[in-house]
Amino acid sequence: MDAERDAVPDDIAVLKAALAAERAKGLEVAAELAVARAKASEDEALIAQQKLQIAKLRHQIYGQRSERSSRLIEQLALTFEELESDATEDELAAERAVARRRRGADLRASAANDRRSLSIYRANESSSSRRRLASAVAAIVCASSAST
């Protein structure tokens, strides 16, 4: 089986077809990776939102234990707002990138390719900043939980 795979055909058309198939596989893998990364970023933002909500509810239930806890909740709220604005900016940038591709690309491009392009762009553009903010939120929540 490996011998068949290692054998290189002499026909140019067969070689071109094999190259096209490998490129298509590469694009599929890249699109799947981009979708997974985008999903991970969305999950991190959701977790940050839920941690903020938990912190607010704890504050509401147990009252103000100290000025420090109020500051932590305010910090969490600001961090979450930054996450939301970054996500919105990434979405808008991704939509603009897809629109630019449509203008310059062949009109025969399918909707699936547009979705892949959007997913790849989102994954690439999203977020080390989102991840940094999500980890900062987690650290703040952990510090808040440890002090209470």
Foldseek 3Di string as FASTA:
>chain_A
DVVVVPDDDPDPVVVVVVVVVVVVVVLVVLLVVLLVLLVVLVVLLVVLVVLLVVLVVVCVVVPDPDVVSVVLSVVSVVLSVVLVVLVVVQLVVLVVVLVVCCVPDDVPDDPVVSSSSSSSSSSVPDDPSSVVSSVVSVVSSVVSVVVD
